[in-house]
Amino acid sequence: MKRRSVVSGMMVKLAPPVAFGVFVVGFIQLGLAYTLLNFKPMQLPPPSAVASAFIENFQAIARDSLVTVGPTLAGMIVGSLIGYLTAVFITRFPKGGFGLLYIMIAINSVPIVALAPIMNRWFTQPFPAKVSVVIIISMGAMAVNAFRGLSDLPDESRHLMRACDASNMEVFTKLRIPASLPYVFTALKINVSVAMMGTIIGEYFNDNTSGIGYMIKYTLRIGNRKAEGWAYILAAAIISILIYAALTLAQRRLVRWHASQRMGA
């Protein structure tokens, strides 16, 4: 009964975005986008043409997707870890370490289109260049969210730990870290799209002839391969959705005690 209610709740939440997606696809496929918005099929191929190109080039898209997914996940994990450790340091030493949070925010505000060419110049190999871009753009969101989770503790929980004569380490491991987990998953979900974007832009400016970013750049320049280029864009969207869904499932298992999970959020 409980599983059925969870499934029904998920279907209710998925209904609006699915309906909107169907509307957008129908709007383009029926030609309304070309008539009302003056788009050209060369600019925005019909969804049926994109789907056909995706199926016809599936093996090549899968190979290039693997090239992109590797540095995306590696950079997101390392960058998120650095951001979390920074938040831990700031929480432990607020007077001396709080400035690091502003440094993280300042670094995170550097445009990706400016960061990617710099990293491509610093690193001769494409993999570390792409990973470094993703690391830099993933740190800020994790540092800010994790710091909030480590700091915003319920008063009753802190009073209880104090009444039990808990040490600072016990408060940190048994209260602060668990309290930060929902914020950690929020940051990770934010970093999914940011990391994918960073990798694709890194590939766009890189001389390497593989990866989703390079293929988008290459195919969209050729008149008869526009649909294939959009098929690669579709692949990037699918990968991001799958990673986001995996994080959501992990959150439901690891943070079951949180109010948002009990309410089926």
Protein backbone atom coordinates (compact mmCIF):
# COMPACT_ATOMS: atom_id res chain seq x y z
CA MET A 1 0.00 0.00 0.00
CA LYS A 2 2.81 2.36 0.90
CA ARG A 3 4.72 1.59 -2.32
CA ARG A 4 1.56 2.21 -4.33
CA SER A 5 1.12 5.61 -2.71
CA VAL A 6 4.76 6.49 -3.42
CA VAL A 7 4.37 5.49 -7.08
CA SER A 8 1.13 7.46 -7.41
CA GLY A 9 2.82 10.47 -5.80
CA MET A 10 5.70 10.27 -8.26
CA MET A 11 3.27 10.03 -11.19
CA VAL A 12 1.45 13.15 -9.98
CA LYS A 13 4.77 15.03 -9.79
CA LEU A 14 5.93 13.81 -13.20
CA ALA A 15 2.64 14.59 -14.94
CA PRO A 16 3.17 18.38 -15.39
CA PRO A 17 6.71 18.21 -16.88
CA VAL A 18 5.75 15.26 -19.10
CA ALA A 19 2.67 17.11 -20.32
CA PHE A 20 4.74 20.22 -21.02
CA GLY A 21 7.31 18.14 -22.91
CA VAL A 22 4.59 16.53 -25.03
CA PHE A 23 3.19 20.00 -25.75
CA VAL A 24 6.58 21.34 -26.87
CA VAL A 25 7.27 18.31 -29.07
CA GLY A 26 3.82 18.56 -30.64
CA PHE A 27 4.19 22.32 -31.10
CA ILE A 28 7.37 21.77 -33.14
CA GLN A 29 6.33 18.57 -34.92
CA LEU A 30 3.05 20.04 -36.16
CA GLY A 31 4.92 22.99 -37.64
CA LEU A 32 3.49 25.63 -35.31
CA ALA A 33 6.99 26.71 -34.27
CA TYR A 34 7.87 27.35 -37.91
CA THR A 35 4.64 29.25 -38.59
CA LEU A 36 4.20 31.26 -35.40
CA LEU A 37 7.83 31.79 -34.36
CA ASN A 38 9.32 31.93 -37.87
CA PHE A 39 11.81 29.14 -37.11
CA LYS A 40 13.35 27.22 -39.98
CA PRO A 41 13.70 23.41 -40.08
CA MET A 42 17.45 23.93 -40.53
CA GLN A 43 17.51 25.84 -37.23
CA LEU A 44 15.18 23.52 -35.33
CA PRO A 45 14.64 20.11 -36.94
CA PRO A 46 11.32 18.32 -36.32
CA PRO A 47 11.40 15.94 -33.32
CA SER A 48 10.74 12.99 -35.66
CA ALA A 49 13.93 13.81 -37.60
CA VAL A 50 15.91 14.14 -34.35
CA ALA A 51 14.56 10.78 -33.12
CA SER A 52 15.48 9.11 -36.43
CA ALA A 53 18.99 10.58 -36.29
CA PHE A 54 19.33 9.40 -32.69
CA ILE A 55 18.38 5.83 -33.62
CA GLU A 56 20.48 5.74 -36.78
CA ASN A 57 23.60 7.07 -35.02
CA PHE A 58 23.03 5.38 -31.67
CA GLN A 59 26.37 3.54 -31.57
CA ALA A 60 28.37 6.68 -32.36
CA ILE A 61 26.32 8.70 -29.88
CA ALA A 62 26.90 6.05 -27.19
CA ARG A 63 30.68 6.14 -27.80
CA ASP A 64 30.84 9.91 -27.62
CA SER A 65 28.58 9.91 -24.56
CA LEU A 66 31.05 7.69 -22.70
CA VAL A 67 33.81 10.17 -23.55
CA THR A 68 31.71 12.94 -21.99
CA VAL A 69 30.29 11.09 -18.98
CA GLY A 70 33.70 10.09 -17.57
CA PRO A 71 35.09 13.58 -16.91
CA THR A 72 31.61 14.82 -15.95
CA LEU A 73 31.25 12.34 -13.10
CA ALA A 74 34.91 12.52 -12.06
CA GLY A 75 34.92 16.31 -11.94
CA MET A 76 31.57 16.50 -10.17
CA ILE A 77 32.64 14.03 -7.48
CA VAL A 78 36.01 15.68 -6.84
CA GLY A 79 34.62 19.21 -6.98
CA SER A 80 31.74 18.33 -4.66
CA LEU A 81 34.14 16.67 -2.23
CA ILE A 82 36.37 19.77 -2.17
CA GLY A 83 33.30 21.95 -1.63
CA TYR A 84 32.09 19.78 1.25
CA LEU A 85 35.50 19.71 2.94
CA THR A 86 35.63 23.49 2.60
CA ALA A 87 32.24 23.74 4.32
CA VAL A 88 33.49 21.44 7.09
CA PHE A 89 36.56 23.62 7.60
CA ILE A 90 34.46 26.79 7.71
CA THR A 91 32.07 25.21 10.22
CA ARG A 92 34.92 24.04 12.41
CA PHE A 93 36.89 27.30 12.20
CA PRO A 94 34.31 30.01 11.40
CA LYS A 95 36.51 33.01 12.20
CA GLY A 96 39.46 32.06 10.04
CA GLY A 97 37.74 30.05 7.35
CA PHE A 98 34.60 31.99 6.51
CA GLY A 99 36.44 33.93 3.81
CA LEU A 100 36.88 30.68 1.88
CA LEU A 101 33.16 30.66 1.19
CA TYR A 102 33.43 33.98 -0.63
CA ILE A 103 36.45 32.71 -2.53
CA MET A 104 34.43 29.67 -3.64
CA ILE A 105 31.59 31.90 -4.77
CA ALA A 106 34.02 34.16 -6.66
CA ILE A 107 35.65 31.18 -8.42
CA ASN A 108 32.24 29.73 -9.25
CA SER A 109 31.20 32.98 -10.94
CA VAL A 110 33.91 32.68 -13.61
CA PRO A 111 32.12 32.03 -16.95
CA ILE A 112 32.56 28.50 -18.29
CA VAL A 113 33.24 29.82 -21.79
CA ALA A 114 36.24 31.67 -20.36
CA LEU A 115 37.35 28.85 -18.08
CA ALA A 116 37.33 26.05 -20.67
CA PRO A 117 39.89 27.58 -23.09
CA ILE A 118 42.19 28.37 -20.15
CA MET A 119 42.10 24.77 -18.92
CA ASN A 120 42.69 23.52 -22.45
CA ARG A 121 45.86 25.63 -22.54
CA TRP A 122 47.03 24.46 -19.11
CA PHE A 123 46.52 20.74 -19.80
CA THR A 124 47.73 19.01 -22.93
CA GLN A 125 45.34 16.04 -22.54
CA PRO A 126 41.57 16.53 -22.97
CA PHE A 127 40.48 14.44 -19.96
CA PRO A 128 42.24 16.46 -17.21
CA ALA A 129 41.28 19.70 -18.97
CA LYS A 130 37.59 18.79 -18.87
CA VAL A 131 37.78 17.41 -15.34
CA SER A 132 39.42 20.59 -14.06
CA VAL A 133 36.64 22.73 -15.52
CA VAL A 134 33.96 20.60 -13.85
CA ILE A 135 35.83 20.59 -10.52
CA ILE A 136 35.98 24.37 -10.43
CA ILE A 137 32.32 24.93 -11.30
CA SER A 138 31.11 22.19 -8.91
CA MET A 139 32.80 23.45 -5.74
CA GLY A 140 30.71 26.55 -5.09
CA ALA A 141 27.23 25.04 -4.95
CA MET A 142 28.40 22.24 -2.67
CA ALA A 143 30.30 24.57 -0.33
CA VAL A 144 27.33 26.92 0.12
CA ASN A 145 24.72 24.19 0.55
CA ALA A 146 26.86 21.98 2.78
CA PHE A 147 27.78 24.91 5.02
CA ARG A 148 24.11 25.69 5.51
CA GLY A 149 23.35 22.06 6.33
CA LEU A 150 26.23 21.84 8.78
CA SER A 151 25.28 25.11 10.47
CA ASP A 152 21.47 25.25 10.56
CA LEU A 153 20.81 22.73 13.32
CA PRO A 154 17.51 22.41 15.23
CA ASP A 155 17.78 23.99 18.67
CA GLU A 156 16.23 20.98 20.37
CA SER A 157 18.83 18.66 18.83
CA ARG A 158 21.71 20.84 19.98
CA HIS A 159 20.25 21.13 23.48
CA LEU A 160 19.82 17.36 23.63
CA MET A 161 23.43 16.73 22.60
CA ARG A 162 24.60 19.28 25.15
CA ALA A 163 22.47 17.65 27.86
CA CYS A 164 24.05 14.30 27.03
CA ASP A 165 27.50 15.86 27.45
CA ALA A 166 28.43 15.04 23.85
CA SER A 167 31.87 16.05 22.62
CA ASN A 168 32.40 18.34 19.66
CA MET A 169 33.36 15.35 17.53
CA GLU A 170 30.18 13.48 18.52
CA VAL A 171 28.08 16.54 17.71
CA PHE A 172 29.80 16.79 14.36
CA THR A 173 29.52 13.13 13.36
CA LYS A 174 26.09 12.36 14.82
CA LEU A 175 24.30 15.66 14.28
CA ARG A 176 26.00 17.98 11.81
CA ILE A 177 26.91 15.47 9.09
CA PRO A 178 23.45 13.78 9.02
CA ALA A 179 21.77 17.21 9.03
CA SER A 180 23.85 18.26 6.01
CA LEU A 181 22.92 15.27 3.81
CA PRO A 182 19.70 16.77 2.34
CA TYR A 183 21.67 19.90 1.41
CA VAL A 184 24.44 17.75 -0.08
CA PHE A 185 21.99 16.02 -2.39
CA THR A 186 20.52 19.38 -3.36
CA ALA A 187 24.00 20.58 -4.35
CA LEU A 188 24.71 17.37 -6.25
CA LYS A 189 21.49 17.76 -8.24
CA ILE A 190 22.46 21.33 -9.08
CA ASN A 191 25.91 20.14 -10.14
CA VAL A 192 24.54 17.52 -12.54
CA SER A 193 23.48 20.00 -15.21
CA VAL A 194 26.36 22.36 -14.44
CA ALA A 195 28.94 19.56 -14.74
CA MET A 196 27.47 18.27 -18.00
CA MET A 197 27.47 21.80 -19.40
CA GLY A 198 31.06 22.34 -18.30
CA THR A 199 32.27 19.15 -19.98
CA ILE A 200 30.41 19.86 -23.21
CA ILE A 201 31.78 23.41 -23.41
CA GLY A 202 35.26 22.06 -22.62
CA GLU A 203 34.93 19.64 -25.54
CA TYR A 204 33.62 22.42 -27.73
CA PHE A 205 36.86 24.38 -27.31
CA ASN A 206 39.13 21.31 -27.30
CA ASP A 207 40.90 19.97 -30.38
CA ASN A 208 39.96 16.38 -29.51
CA THR A 209 37.62 14.87 -32.12
CA SER A 210 35.29 12.99 -29.77
CA GLY A 211 32.68 13.69 -27.12
CA ILE A 212 29.20 15.18 -27.18
CA GLY A 213 30.48 18.76 -27.17
CA TYR A 214 32.75 18.28 -30.17
CA MET A 215 30.07 16.43 -32.14
CA ILE A 216 27.49 19.13 -31.45
CA LYS A 217 29.93 21.74 -32.77
CA TYR A 218 30.85 19.61 -35.79
CA THR A 219 27.39 18.43 -36.86
CA LEU A 220 25.57 21.75 -36.42
CA ARG A 221 28.02 23.36 -38.85
CA ILE A 222 26.99 20.97 -41.63
CA GLY A 223 23.69 21.63 -43.38
CA ASN A 224 22.49 18.03 -43.74
CA ARG A 225 23.53 16.93 -40.22
CA LYS A 226 21.55 19.39 -38.10
CA ALA A 227 19.21 16.63 -36.88
CA GLU A 228 22.24 14.59 -35.79
CA GLY A 229 23.53 17.56 -33.83
CA TRP A 230 20.21 17.83 -32.01
CA ALA A 231 20.36 14.08 -31.39
CA TYR A 232 23.59 14.67 -29.46
CA ILE A 233 21.87 17.45 -27.51
CA LEU A 234 19.10 14.96 -26.72
CA ALA A 235 21.70 12.45 -25.52
CA ALA A 236 23.18 15.03 -23.13
CA ALA A 237 19.72 15.73 -21.72
CA ILE A 238 18.99 12.02 -21.25
CA ILE A 239 22.30 11.45 -19.44
CA SER A 240 21.64 14.36 -17.10
CA ILE A 241 18.15 13.08 -16.33
CA LEU A 242 19.47 9.59 -15.59
CA ILE A 243 22.15 10.91 -13.21
CA TYR A 244 19.57 13.14 -11.52
CA ALA A 245 17.22 10.17 -11.12
CA ALA A 246 20.02 8.06 -9.61
CA LEU A 247 20.75 10.82 -7.08
CA THR A 248 17.05 11.03 -6.22
CA LEU A 249 16.90 7.29 -5.55
CA ALA A 250 20.06 7.46 -3.44
CA GLN A 251 18.59 10.35 -1.47
CA ARG A 252 15.41 8.39 -0.76
CA ARG A 253 17.47 5.51 0.63
CA LEU A 254 20.05 7.49 2.60
CA VAL A 255 17.89 10.32 3.91
CA ARG A 256 14.68 8.47 4.72
CA TRP A 257 14.45 10.18 8.10
CA HIS A 258 14.18 13.67 6.62
CA ALA A 259 10.76 15.34 6.56
CA SER A 260 10.86 15.86 2.78
CA GLN A 261 11.23 12.12 2.23
CA ARG A 262 8.51 11.20 4.67
CA MET A 263 6.15 13.50 2.79
CA GLY A 264 7.10 11.83 -0.49
CA ALA A 265 9.13 14.78 -1.82
